[in-house]
Amino acid sequence: MAIRKILLDTLWRGVDPFVGFPKGLFGLDPQGWNSNHPYLTDTIIRHRPQTIVEIGVWKGASVITMAKQIQTSEIDGVIIAVDTWLGSSEHWLRPDWFAGMSCLFGHPQIYQKFMTNVIESGTENIVIPLPIDSINAAAILRAREIDIDMVHIDGGHHYDTVTLDLKAWWSLLRSGGVLVGDDYGMEWPEVKSAIDDFLSHTPHANFEALPPKCRATKI
């Protein structure tokens, strides 16, 4: 797709991270949460975004959901997948979550799982991974003058972290662009508080919530 090539040239100096990835070396592992939420697909159908960013990708389930909708809707679009792929604090602190990182020689293998899942789904021609933290990723896109049409924020669960993500990525949204926030509900009260507080002093339209996600349009 044309826009993906432009962004590969801009972000990766023309190198496609998926080229040469060893298909079949890492097992398929499509684990995710809230990955088929209607806001992910409905926003694409209604707004036809060309440049989407997801913050907090994990193993790519929601990226794949959006990428398949882009294919179905025949949009010349791309999803920039932003994550360190090192897990969150919860993955390191909770014994029941730690195994999901598939650590090998002291390093999580989440990125390899993500790449495998995307390739197996047939959506690698729509996705661009950006393996860096959210704030530095926003700085890169800002420096490269890349505006975005949709952002799905599914990163940290602490008030300050969510607030930083909202400030960084709202500023990169085009007018009319859509923010979709995850974990908006009782399970993660700091996430809900951060989103509510941010939007209370930020001009926006069409706020709605279908927990555990919410969305709003930039005006």
Protein backbone atom coordinates (compact mmCIF):
# COMPACT_ATOMS: atom_id res chain seq x y z
CA MET A 1 0.00 0.00 0.00
CA ALA A 2 1.24 3.45 -0.90
CA ILE A 3 0.95 5.04 2.53
CA ARG A 4 2.77 2.16 4.20
CA LYS A 5 5.72 2.56 1.81
CA ILE A 6 5.86 6.29 2.57
CA LEU A 7 5.90 5.61 6.30
CA LEU A 8 8.45 2.80 5.98
CA ASP A 9 10.72 5.26 4.18
CA THR A 10 10.08 7.84 6.89
CA LEU A 11 10.35 5.65 10.00
CA TRP A 12 12.51 2.71 8.90
CA ARG A 13 14.59 4.27 6.10
CA GLY A 14 12.87 2.00 3.62
CA VAL A 15 13.49 -1.26 5.48
CA ASP A 16 10.45 -3.49 6.06
CA PRO A 17 10.82 -5.22 9.46
CA PHE A 18 8.69 -8.15 8.27
CA VAL A 19 10.95 -9.04 5.33
CA GLY A 20 12.97 -12.14 6.16
CA PHE A 21 11.26 -12.79 9.50
CA PRO A 22 11.52 -16.56 10.08
CA LYS A 23 7.98 -17.78 9.52
CA GLY A 24 7.18 -20.80 11.67
CA LEU A 25 10.10 -20.40 14.08
CA PHE A 26 7.91 -18.92 16.82
CA GLY A 27 4.56 -20.44 17.70
CA LEU A 28 1.27 -18.73 16.92
CA ASP A 29 0.01 -17.10 20.13
CA PRO A 30 -2.93 -14.71 19.49
CA GLN A 31 -3.54 -13.84 23.15
CA GLY A 32 -5.21 -10.51 23.80
CA TRP A 33 -7.86 -8.59 25.74
CA ASN A 34 -10.85 -6.69 24.33
CA SER A 35 -9.33 -7.21 20.90
CA ASN A 36 -12.60 -7.51 18.99
CA HIS A 37 -14.32 -4.52 20.56
CA PRO A 38 -16.70 -2.83 18.09
CA TYR A 39 -15.05 0.59 18.52
CA LEU A 40 -11.95 -0.77 16.76
CA THR A 41 -13.82 -1.82 13.63
CA ASP A 42 -16.70 0.67 13.68
CA THR A 43 -14.32 3.64 13.84
CA ILE A 44 -12.55 2.40 10.72
CA ILE A 45 -15.81 1.81 8.88
CA ARG A 46 -17.20 5.25 9.77
CA HIS A 47 -14.08 7.41 9.52
CA ARG A 48 -11.89 5.47 7.05
CA PRO A 49 -8.59 6.42 8.75
CA GLN A 50 -5.40 6.02 6.77
CA THR A 51 -2.87 6.35 9.58
CA ILE A 52 -3.66 4.53 12.84
CA VAL A 53 -1.40 4.22 15.87
CA GLU A 54 -1.84 1.66 18.61
CA ILE A 55 -0.07 2.24 21.92
CA GLY A 56 0.43 -0.98 23.85
CA VAL A 57 0.32 -3.79 21.32
CA TRP A 58 1.18 -6.93 23.32
CA LYS A 59 0.89 -9.84 20.84
CA GLY A 60 -1.06 -7.93 18.21
CA ALA A 61 -4.63 -9.18 18.55
CA SER A 62 -6.28 -5.76 18.32
CA VAL A 63 -3.84 -4.59 15.63
CA ILE A 64 -4.88 -7.61 13.57
CA THR A 65 -8.58 -6.85 14.14
CA MET A 66 -8.09 -3.31 12.82
CA ALA A 67 -5.83 -4.42 9.98
CA LYS A 68 -8.39 -6.92 8.75
CA GLN A 69 -11.06 -4.21 8.80
CA ILE A 70 -8.77 -1.97 6.74
CA GLN A 71 -8.47 -4.82 4.23
CA THR A 72 -12.22 -5.42 4.18
CA SER A 73 -12.93 -1.70 3.78
CA GLU A 74 -10.33 -1.43 0.99
CA ILE A 75 -8.57 1.52 2.62
CA ASP A 76 -5.03 2.57 1.73
CA GLY A 77 -4.13 2.52 5.40
CA VAL A 78 -1.43 1.57 7.86
CA ILE A 79 -1.24 0.77 11.57
CA ILE A 80 1.87 1.88 13.45
CA ALA A 81 2.23 -0.57 16.33
CA VAL A 82 4.04 1.06 19.26
CA ASP A 83 5.32 -1.05 22.14
CA THR A 84 8.57 -1.91 23.88
CA TRP A 85 7.40 -5.53 23.87
CA LEU A 86 8.96 -5.92 27.31
CA GLY A 87 5.72 -6.29 29.27
CA SER A 88 4.09 -3.95 31.75
CA SER A 89 4.69 -3.71 35.48
CA GLU A 90 1.74 -6.05 35.99
CA HIS A 91 3.40 -8.75 33.89
CA TRP A 92 6.49 -8.59 36.03
CA LEU A 93 4.61 -8.41 39.34
CA ARG A 94 1.79 -10.89 38.83
CA PRO A 95 2.84 -14.55 38.75
CA ASP A 96 -0.17 -15.49 36.64
CA TRP A 97 0.80 -12.92 33.97
CA PHE A 98 4.57 -13.46 33.96
CA ALA A 99 4.42 -16.64 31.87
CA GLY A 100 2.74 -14.75 29.04
CA MET A 101 6.01 -12.94 28.28
CA SER A 102 7.65 -16.22 27.20
CA CYS A 103 11.06 -15.15 28.51
CA LEU A 104 14.10 -16.73 26.88
CA PHE A 105 17.56 -16.20 28.37
CA GLY A 106 16.19 -13.37 30.51
CA HIS A 107 14.37 -11.49 27.74
CA PRO A 108 10.67 -11.46 26.84
CA GLN A 109 9.77 -12.93 23.44
CA ILE A 110 6.58 -10.86 23.02
CA TYR A 111 7.83 -9.09 19.88
CA GLN A 112 8.54 -12.38 18.14
CA LYS A 113 5.03 -13.59 19.04
CA PHE A 114 3.57 -10.35 17.67
CA MET A 115 5.45 -10.64 14.39
CA THR A 116 4.40 -14.27 13.96
CA ASN A 117 0.75 -13.50 14.70
CA VAL A 118 0.66 -10.63 12.20
CA ILE A 119 2.32 -12.68 9.46
CA GLU A 120 0.02 -15.65 10.04
CA SER A 121 -3.00 -13.32 9.85
CA GLY A 122 -1.89 -12.03 6.45
CA THR A 123 -1.89 -8.39 7.55
CA GLU A 124 1.83 -7.59 7.53
CA ASN A 125 1.35 -5.32 4.48
CA ILE A 126 -0.71 -2.98 6.69
CA VAL A 127 1.33 -2.99 9.93
CA ILE A 128 4.55 -1.18 10.86
CA PRO A 129 6.08 -2.09 14.24
CA LEU A 130 7.82 0.69 16.17
CA PRO A 131 9.63 -0.95 19.11
CA ILE A 132 10.04 1.98 21.48
CA ASP A 133 8.12 3.51 24.36
CA SER A 134 5.05 5.66 23.75
CA ILE A 135 6.53 9.06 24.54
CA ASN A 136 9.60 8.59 22.38
CA ALA A 137 7.43 7.19 19.58
CA ALA A 138 5.31 10.34 19.71
CA ALA A 139 8.48 12.44 19.54
CA ILE A 140 9.58 10.53 16.43
CA LEU A 141 6.25 11.02 14.65
CA ARG A 142 6.20 14.70 15.63
CA ALA A 143 9.73 15.22 14.29
CA ARG A 144 8.79 13.46 11.06
CA GLU A 145 5.59 15.55 10.84
CA ILE A 146 3.33 12.50 10.77
CA ASP A 147 -0.24 13.32 11.75
CA ILE A 148 -2.62 10.48 12.56
CA ASP A 149 -6.30 9.79 11.97
CA MET A 150 -6.93 7.36 14.83
CA VAL A 151 -5.12 6.31 17.98
CA HIS A 152 -5.89 3.33 20.20
CA ILE A 153 -4.30 3.81 23.62
CA ASP A 154 -3.88 0.56 25.53
CA GLY A 155 -0.67 1.16 27.42
CA GLY A 156 -0.03 1.61 31.13
CA HIS A 157 -2.70 1.55 33.81
CA HIS A 158 -1.39 4.25 36.15
CA TYR A 159 -2.89 7.74 36.16
CA ASP A 160 0.33 9.59 35.29
CA THR A 161 1.25 7.16 32.50
CA VAL A 162 -2.17 7.36 30.88
CA THR A 163 -2.15 11.16 31.13
CA LEU A 164 1.24 11.35 29.42
CA ASP A 165 0.00 9.10 26.60
CA LEU A 166 -3.14 11.18 26.13
CA LYS A 167 -1.22 14.46 25.98
CA ALA A 168 1.38 13.09 23.58
CA TRP A 169 -0.97 11.42 21.12
CA TRP A 170 -3.92 13.82 21.19
CA SER A 171 -1.56 16.49 19.89
CA LEU A 172 -0.74 14.28 16.88
CA LEU A 173 -4.37 13.56 16.01
CA ARG A 174 -5.77 15.45 13.05
CA SER A 175 -8.92 17.49 13.53
CA GLY A 176 -11.70 14.95 13.16
CA GLY A 177 -9.40 12.15 14.29
CA VAL A 178 -10.61 9.60 16.80
CA LEU A 179 -9.15 8.52 20.13
CA VAL A 180 -10.10 5.06 21.39
CA GLY A 181 -9.08 4.34 24.96
CA ASP A 182 -8.92 0.88 26.50
CA ASP A 183 -9.44 -0.26 30.09
CA TYR A 184 -12.06 2.43 30.69
CA GLY A 185 -14.00 0.89 33.55
CA MET A 186 -14.05 -0.29 37.12
CA GLU A 187 -11.14 -2.73 36.84
CA TRP A 188 -8.63 0.06 36.17
CA PRO A 189 -9.98 3.15 37.99
CA GLU A 190 -6.82 5.21 37.39
CA VAL A 191 -7.24 4.78 33.63
CA LYS A 192 -10.82 6.02 33.74
CA SER A 193 -9.90 8.96 35.98
CA ALA A 194 -7.04 9.98 33.71
CA ILE A 195 -9.22 9.90 30.59
CA ASP A 196 -12.09 11.75 32.28
CA ASP A 197 -9.79 14.43 33.66
CA PHE A 198 -7.99 14.92 30.34
CA LEU A 199 -11.18 15.24 28.32
CA SER A 200 -12.76 17.55 30.90
CA HIS A 201 -10.39 20.34 29.82
CA THR A 202 -9.79 19.25 26.21
CA PRO A 203 -12.19 20.29 23.43
CA HIS A 204 -13.69 17.17 21.88
CA ALA A 205 -16.92 15.76 20.48
CA ASN A 206 -18.89 12.54 20.36
CA PHE A 207 -17.59 11.03 23.58
CA GLU A 208 -19.07 7.63 24.26
CA ALA A 209 -18.18 4.62 26.35
CA LEU A 210 -18.83 0.94 25.93
CA PRO A 211 -16.61 -0.45 28.69
CA PRO A 212 -13.92 -1.45 28.65
CA LYS A 213 -13.34 1.08 25.84
CA CYS A 214 -14.28 4.67 25.20
CA ARG A 215 -13.79 7.02 22.27
CA ALA A 216 -13.86 10.71 21.43
CA THR A 217 -13.35 12.86 18.35
CA LYS A 218 -10.87 15.72 18.17
CA ILE A 219 -12.29 19.07 17.10
